[in-house]
Amino acid sequence: MTADKKTGQESGARRAWTPRSPVEVVLEQITKQEKKVAELQHELDTEKSMLAKLLQAKKVLEAT
C-alpha cells in the first residue's frame, strides 16, 4: 500500500520569493501596528460607552 502525498507545490499556485529591504519590512510592521492600535481603540471606545451607560443606570438605581 502506498499513500499519495501532496508536496504542496502545485503548478502556478505559489509566487516566487522576492527579497525585501529592511525598510520595507519595518514599514509593513508599522502599518500592521497602526491597524492593530486602531482596532483596539475602537474596542476601548465601545467599552467606555458601555461603562458610561452602566454608571448612569447605577445612579438611577441608587437614587431610588
PDB file of N, CA and C in Angstrom:
ATOM      1  N   MET A   1       0.832  -1.176   0.000  1.00  0.00           N
ATOM      2  CA  MET A   1       0.000   0.000   0.000  1.00  0.00           C
ATOM      3  C   MET A   1       0.882   1.247   0.000  1.00  0.00           C
ATOM      4  N   THR A   2       0.531   2.172  -0.848  1.00  0.00           N
ATOM      5  CA  THR A   2       1.260   3.433  -0.879  1.00  0.00           C
ATOM      6  C   THR A   2       0.284   4.570  -0.674  1.00  0.00           C
ATOM      7  N   ALA A   3       0.727   5.524   0.098  1.00  0.00           N
ATOM      8  CA  ALA A   3      -0.114   6.689   0.360  1.00  0.00           C
ATOM      9  C   ALA A   3       0.269   7.803  -0.600  1.00  0.00           C
ATOM     10  N   ASP A   4      -0.744   8.460  -1.148  1.00  0.00           N
ATOM     11  CA  ASP A   4      -0.482   9.589  -2.039  1.00  0.00           C
ATOM     12  C   ASP A   4      -0.178  10.815  -1.179  1.00  0.00           C
ATOM     13  N   LYS A   5       0.962  11.416  -1.430  1.00  0.00           N
ATOM     14  CA  LYS A   5       1.345  12.605  -0.682  1.00  0.00           C
ATOM     15  C   LYS A   5       1.373  13.788  -1.631  1.00  0.00           C
ATOM     16  N   LYS A   6       0.848  14.883  -1.133  1.00  0.00           N
ATOM     17  CA  LYS A   6       0.901  16.117  -1.910  1.00  0.00           C
ATOM     18  C   LYS A   6       2.102  16.912  -1.423  1.00  0.00           C
ATOM     19  N   THR A   7       2.836  17.460  -2.339  1.00  0.00           N
ATOM     20  CA  THR A   7       4.023  18.219  -1.974  1.00  0.00           C
ATOM     21  C   THR A   7       3.691  19.644  -1.572  1.00  0.00           C
ATOM     22  N   GLY A   8       2.498  20.095  -1.846  1.00  0.00           N
ATOM     23  CA  GLY A   8       2.113  21.453  -1.515  1.00  0.00           C
ATOM     24  C   GLY A   8       2.516  22.450  -2.587  1.00  0.00           C
ATOM     25  N   GLN A   9       3.205  21.990  -3.600  1.00  0.00           N
ATOM     26  CA  GLN A   9       3.622  22.878  -4.681  1.00  0.00           C
ATOM     27  C   GLN A   9       2.919  22.471  -5.965  1.00  0.00           C
ATOM     28  N   GLU A  10       1.803  23.113  -6.187  1.00  0.00           N
ATOM     29  CA  GLU A  10       1.070  22.859  -7.421  1.00  0.00           C
ATOM     30  C   GLU A  10       1.552  23.868  -8.453  1.00  0.00           C
ATOM     31  N   SER A  11       1.426  23.519  -9.673  1.00  0.00           N
ATOM     32  CA  SER A  11       1.942  24.394 -10.728  1.00  0.00           C
ATOM     33  C   SER A  11       1.219  25.733 -10.716  1.00  0.00           C
ATOM     34  N   GLY A  12       1.983  26.789 -10.569  1.00  0.00           N
ATOM     35  CA  GLY A  12       1.421  28.134 -10.607  1.00  0.00           C
ATOM     36  C   GLY A  12       0.728  28.569  -9.339  1.00  0.00           C
ATOM     37  N   ALA A  13       0.717  27.773  -8.298  1.00  0.00           N
ATOM     38  CA  ALA A  13      -0.011  28.115  -7.087  1.00  0.00           C
ATOM     39  C   ALA A  13       0.783  29.050  -6.183  1.00  0.00           C
ATOM     40  N   ARG A  14       2.111  29.029  -6.316  1.00  0.00           N
ATOM     41  CA  ARG A  14       2.926  29.846  -5.421  1.00  0.00           C
ATOM     42  C   ARG A  14       3.713  30.883  -6.215  1.00  0.00           C
ATOM     43  N   ARG A  15       3.892  32.019  -5.579  1.00  0.00           N
ATOM     44  CA  ARG A  15       4.691  33.063  -6.202  1.00  0.00           C
ATOM     45  C   ARG A  15       6.151  32.882  -5.808  1.00  0.00           C
ATOM     46  N   ALA A  16       7.011  33.380  -6.605  1.00  0.00           N
ATOM     47  CA  ALA A  16       8.431  33.330  -6.302  1.00  0.00           C
ATOM     48  C   ALA A  16       8.732  34.284  -5.157  1.00  0.00           C
ATOM     49  N   TRP A  17       9.679  33.926  -4.311  1.00  0.00           N
ATOM     50  CA  TRP A  17      10.058  34.762  -3.184  1.00  0.00           C
ATOM     51  C   TRP A  17      10.837  35.963  -3.690  1.00  0.00           C
ATOM     52  N   THR A  18      10.426  37.135  -3.232  1.00  0.00           N
ATOM     53  CA  THR A  18      11.146  38.336  -3.607  1.00  0.00           C
ATOM     54  C   THR A  18      11.706  38.957  -2.335  1.00  0.00           C
ATOM     55  N   PRO A  19      12.997  39.164  -2.286  1.00  0.00           N
ATOM     56  CA  PRO A  19      13.587  39.732  -1.076  1.00  0.00           C
ATOM     57  C   PRO A  19      13.114  41.172  -0.867  1.00  0.00           C
ATOM     58  N   ARG A  20      12.920  41.530   0.400  1.00  0.00           N
ATOM     59  CA  ARG A  20      12.501  42.889   0.733  1.00  0.00           C
ATOM     60  C   ARG A  20      13.608  43.560   1.536  1.00  0.00           C
ATOM     61  N   SER A  21      13.685  44.841   1.396  1.00  0.00           N
ATOM     62  CA  SER A  21      14.691  45.586   2.138  1.00  0.00           C
ATOM     63  C   SER A  21      14.231  45.736   3.592  1.00  0.00           C
ATOM     64  N   PRO A  22      15.150  45.972   4.498  1.00  0.00           N
ATOM     65  CA  PRO A  22      14.766  46.193   5.896  1.00  0.00           C
ATOM     66  C   PRO A  22      13.783  47.346   6.061  1.00  0.00           C
ATOM     67  N   VAL A  23      13.902  48.349   5.216  1.00  0.00           N
ATOM     68  CA  VAL A  23      12.981  49.489   5.280  1.00  0.00           C
ATOM     69  C   VAL A  23      11.557  49.027   4.972  1.00  0.00           C
ATOM     70  N   GLU A  24      11.395  48.200   3.955  1.00  0.00           N
ATOM     71  CA  GLU A  24      10.065  47.686   3.602  1.00  0.00           C
ATOM     72  C   GLU A  24       9.482  46.857   4.736  1.00  0.00           C
ATOM     73  N   VAL A  25      10.325  46.050   5.383  1.00  0.00           N
ATOM     74  CA  VAL A  25       9.863  45.219   6.493  1.00  0.00           C
ATOM     75  C   VAL A  25       9.371  46.085   7.645  1.00  0.00           C
ATOM     76  N   VAL A  26      10.150  47.107   8.000  1.00  0.00           N
ATOM     77  CA  VAL A  26       9.768  47.987   9.105  1.00  0.00           C
ATOM     78  C   VAL A  26       8.500  48.762   8.762  1.00  0.00           C
ATOM     79  N   LEU A  27       8.394  49.242   7.536  1.00  0.00           N
ATOM     80  CA  LEU A  27       7.179  49.965   7.139  1.00  0.00           C
ATOM     81  C   LEU A  27       5.951  49.073   7.214  1.00  0.00           C
ATOM     82  N   GLU A  28       6.096  47.808   6.840  1.00  0.00           N
ATOM     83  CA  GLU A  28       4.979  46.870   6.942  1.00  0.00           C
ATOM     84  C   GLU A  28       4.604  46.637   8.401  1.00  0.00           C
ATOM     85  N   GLN A  29       5.589  46.519   9.270  1.00  0.00           N
ATOM     86  CA  GLN A  29       5.324  46.338  10.696  1.00  0.00           C
ATOM     87  C   GLN A  29       4.606  47.550  11.272  1.00  0.00           C
ATOM     88  N   ILE A  30       5.007  48.739  10.841  1.00  0.00           N
ATOM     89  CA  ILE A  30       4.355  49.961  11.306  1.00  0.00           C
ATOM     90  C   ILE A  30       2.895  49.972  10.874  1.00  0.00           C
ATOM     91  N   THR A  31       2.646  49.607   9.633  1.00  0.00           N
ATOM     92  CA  THR A  31       1.272  49.569   9.120  1.00  0.00           C
ATOM     93  C   THR A  31       0.422  48.583   9.908  1.00  0.00           C
ATOM     94  N   LYS A  32       0.970  47.401  10.173  1.00  0.00           N
ATOM     95  CA  LYS A  32       0.239  46.394  10.954  1.00  0.00           C
ATOM     96  C   LYS A  32      -0.055  46.904  12.362  1.00  0.00           C
ATOM     97  N   GLN A  33       0.931  47.572  12.974  1.00  0.00           N
ATOM     98  CA  GLN A  33       0.742  48.071  14.334  1.00  0.00           C
ATOM     99  C   GLN A  33      -0.302  49.175  14.373  1.00  0.00           C
ATOM    100  N   GLU A  34      -0.291  50.052  13.368  1.00  0.00           N
ATOM    101  CA  GLU A  34      -1.299  51.110  13.300  1.00  0.00           C
ATOM    102  C   GLU A  34      -2.698  50.517  13.186  1.00  0.00           C
ATOM    103  N   LYS A  35      -2.841  49.474  12.374  1.00  0.00           N
ATOM    104  CA  LYS A  35      -4.140  48.829  12.217  1.00  0.00           C
ATOM    105  C   LYS A  35      -4.578  48.188  13.530  1.00  0.00           C
ATOM    106  N   LYS A  36      -3.644  47.537  14.205  1.00  0.00           N
ATOM    107  CA  LYS A  36      -3.964  46.887  15.480  1.00  0.00           C
ATOM    108  C   LYS A  36      -4.381  47.914  16.527  1.00  0.00           C
ATOM    109  N   VAL A  37      -3.664  49.038  16.597  1.00  0.00           N
ATOM    110  CA  VAL A  37      -3.988  50.088  17.556  1.00  0.00           C
ATOM    111  C   VAL A  37      -5.362  50.683  17.247  1.00  0.00           C
ATOM    112  N   ALA A  38      -5.667  50.873  15.976  1.00  0.00           N
ATOM    113  CA  ALA A  38      -6.971  51.420  15.598  1.00  0.00           C
ATOM    114  C   ALA A  38      -8.103  50.479  16.025  1.00  0.00           C
ATOM    115  N   GLU A  39      -7.895  49.179  15.841  1.00  0.00           N
ATOM    116  CA  GLU A  39      -8.908  48.208  16.256  1.00  0.00           C
ATOM    117  C   GLU A  39      -9.081  48.212  17.767  1.00  0.00           C
ATOM    118  N   LEU A  40      -7.975  48.253  18.492  1.00  0.00           N
ATOM    119  CA  LEU A  40      -8.045  48.281  19.950  1.00  0.00           C
ATOM    120  C   LEU A  40      -8.700  49.567  20.449  1.00  0.00           C
ATOM    121  N   GLN A  41      -8.425  50.686  19.777  1.00  0.00           N
ATOM    122  CA  GLN A  41      -9.042  51.953  20.154  1.00  0.00           C
ATOM    123  C   GLN A  41     -10.551  51.890  19.965  1.00  0.00           C
ATOM    124  N   HIS A  42     -10.983  51.257  18.879  1.00  0.00           N
ATOM    125  CA  HIS A  42     -12.417  51.107  18.633  1.00  0.00           C
ATOM    126  C   HIS A  42     -13.058  50.252  19.735  1.00  0.00           C
ATOM    127  N   GLU A  43     -12.399  49.156  20.102  1.00  0.00           N
ATOM    128  CA  GLU A  43     -12.915  48.307  21.178  1.00  0.00           C
ATOM    129  C   GLU A  43     -12.967  49.073  22.491  1.00  0.00           C
ATOM    130  N   LEU A  44     -11.937  49.858  22.773  1.00  0.00           N
ATOM    131  CA  LEU A  44     -11.904  50.643  24.005  1.00  0.00           C
ATOM    132  C   LEU A  44     -13.034  51.665  24.028  1.00  0.00           C
ATOM    133  N   ASP A  45     -13.273  52.325  22.923  1.00  0.00           N
ATOM    134  CA  ASP A  45     -14.367  53.292  22.848  1.00  0.00           C
ATOM    135  C   ASP A  45     -15.707  52.622  23.112  1.00  0.00           C
ATOM    136  N   THR A  46     -15.891  51.430  22.562  1.00  0.00           N
ATOM    137  CA  THR A  46     -17.128  50.684  22.782  1.00  0.00           C
ATOM    138  C   THR A  46     -17.288  50.329  24.259  1.00  0.00           C
ATOM    139  N   GLU A  47     -16.213  49.870  24.876  1.00  0.00           N
ATOM    140  CA  GLU A  47     -16.267  49.512  26.293  1.00  0.00           C
ATOM    141  C   GLU A  47     -16.524  50.732  27.172  1.00  0.00           C
ATOM    142  N   LYS A  48     -15.925  51.877  26.828  1.00  0.00           N
ATOM    143  CA  LYS A  48     -16.155  53.097  27.597  1.00  0.00           C
ATOM    144  C   LYS A  48     -17.614  53.526  27.512  1.00  0.00           C
ATOM    145  N   SER A  49     -18.180  53.389  26.319  1.00  0.00           N
ATOM    146  CA  SER A  49     -19.588  53.743  26.133  1.00  0.00           C
ATOM    147  C   SER A  49     -20.485  52.856  26.984  1.00  0.00           C
ATOM    148  N   MET A  50     -20.174  51.559  27.003  1.00  0.00           N
ATOM    149  CA  MET A  50     -20.970  50.631  27.802  1.00  0.00           C
ATOM    150  C   MET A  50     -20.825  50.959  29.286  1.00  0.00           C
ATOM    151  N   LEU A  51     -19.622  51.285  29.722  1.00  0.00           N
ATOM    152  CA  LEU A  51     -19.396  51.640  31.122  1.00  0.00           C
ATOM    153  C   LEU A  51     -20.180  52.890  31.494  1.00  0.00           C
ATOM    154  N   ALA A  52     -20.203  53.877  30.623  1.00  0.00           N
ATOM    155  CA  ALA A  52     -20.941  55.108  30.889  1.00  0.00           C
ATOM    156  C   ALA A  52     -22.430  54.814  31.070  1.00  0.00           C
ATOM    157  N   LYS A  53     -22.971  53.944  30.229  1.00  0.00           N
ATOM    158  CA  LYS A  53     -24.386  53.579  30.338  1.00  0.00           C
ATOM    159  C   LYS A  53     -24.660  52.847  31.646  1.00  0.00           C
ATOM    160  N   LEU A  54     -23.761  51.954  32.023  1.00  0.00           N
ATOM    161  CA  LEU A  54     -23.945  51.221  33.268  1.00  0.00           C
ATOM    162  C   LEU A  54     -23.829  52.140  34.479  1.00  0.00           C
ATOM    163  N   LEU A  55     -22.934  53.111  34.413  1.00  0.00           N
ATOM    164  CA  LEU A  55     -22.816  54.059  35.527  1.00  0.00           C
ATOM    165  C   LEU A  55     -24.061  54.920  35.662  1.00  0.00           C
ATOM    166  N   GLN A  56     -24.662  55.283  34.530  1.00  0.00           N
ATOM    167  CA  GLN A  56     -25.918  56.035  34.590  1.00  0.00           C
ATOM    168  C   GLN A  56     -27.019  55.190  35.219  1.00  0.00           C
ATOM    169  N   ALA A  57     -27.061  53.926  34.846  1.00  0.00           N
ATOM    170  CA  ALA A  57     -28.061  53.022  35.427  1.00  0.00           C
ATOM    171  C   ALA A  57     -27.819  52.869  36.923  1.00  0.00           C
ATOM    172  N   LYS A  58     -26.572  52.830  37.321  1.00  0.00           N
ATOM    173  CA  LYS A  58     -26.232  52.708  38.752  1.00  0.00           C
ATOM    174  C   LYS A  58     -26.727  53.924  39.524  1.00  0.00           C
ATOM    175  N   LYS A  59     -26.534  55.119  38.932  1.00  0.00           N
ATOM    176  CA  LYS A  59     -27.013  56.352  39.597  1.00  0.00           C
ATOM    177  C   LYS A  59     -28.519  56.313  39.773  1.00  0.00           C
ATOM    178  N   VAL A  60     -29.228  55.843  38.743  1.00  0.00           N
ATOM    179  CA  VAL A  60     -30.688  55.780  38.821  1.00  0.00           C
ATOM    180  C   VAL A  60     -31.108  54.789  39.907  1.00  0.00           C
ATOM    181  N   LEU A  61     -30.435  53.643  39.969  1.00  0.00           N
ATOM    182  CA  LEU A  61     -30.785  52.636  40.977  1.00  0.00           C
ATOM    183  C   LEU A  61     -30.462  53.118  42.385  1.00  0.00           C
ATOM    184  N   GLU A  62     -29.371  53.844  42.555  1.00  0.00           N
ATOM    185  CA  GLU A  62     -29.009  54.342  43.879  1.00  0.00           C
ATOM    186  C   GLU A  62     -29.926  55.477  44.327  1.00  0.00           C
ATOM    187  N   ALA A  63     -30.500  56.209  43.379  1.00  0.00           N
ATOM    188  CA  ALA A  63     -31.365  57.324  43.708  1.00  0.00           C
ATOM    189  C   ALA A  63     -32.730  56.866  44.196  1.00  0.00           C
ATOM    190  N   THR A  64     -33.111  55.662  43.844  1.00  0.00           N
ATOM    191  CA  THR A  64     -34.439  55.182  44.241  1.00  0.00           C
ATOM    192  C   THR A  64     -34.440  54.505  45.576  1.00  0.00           C
TER     193      THR A  64
END
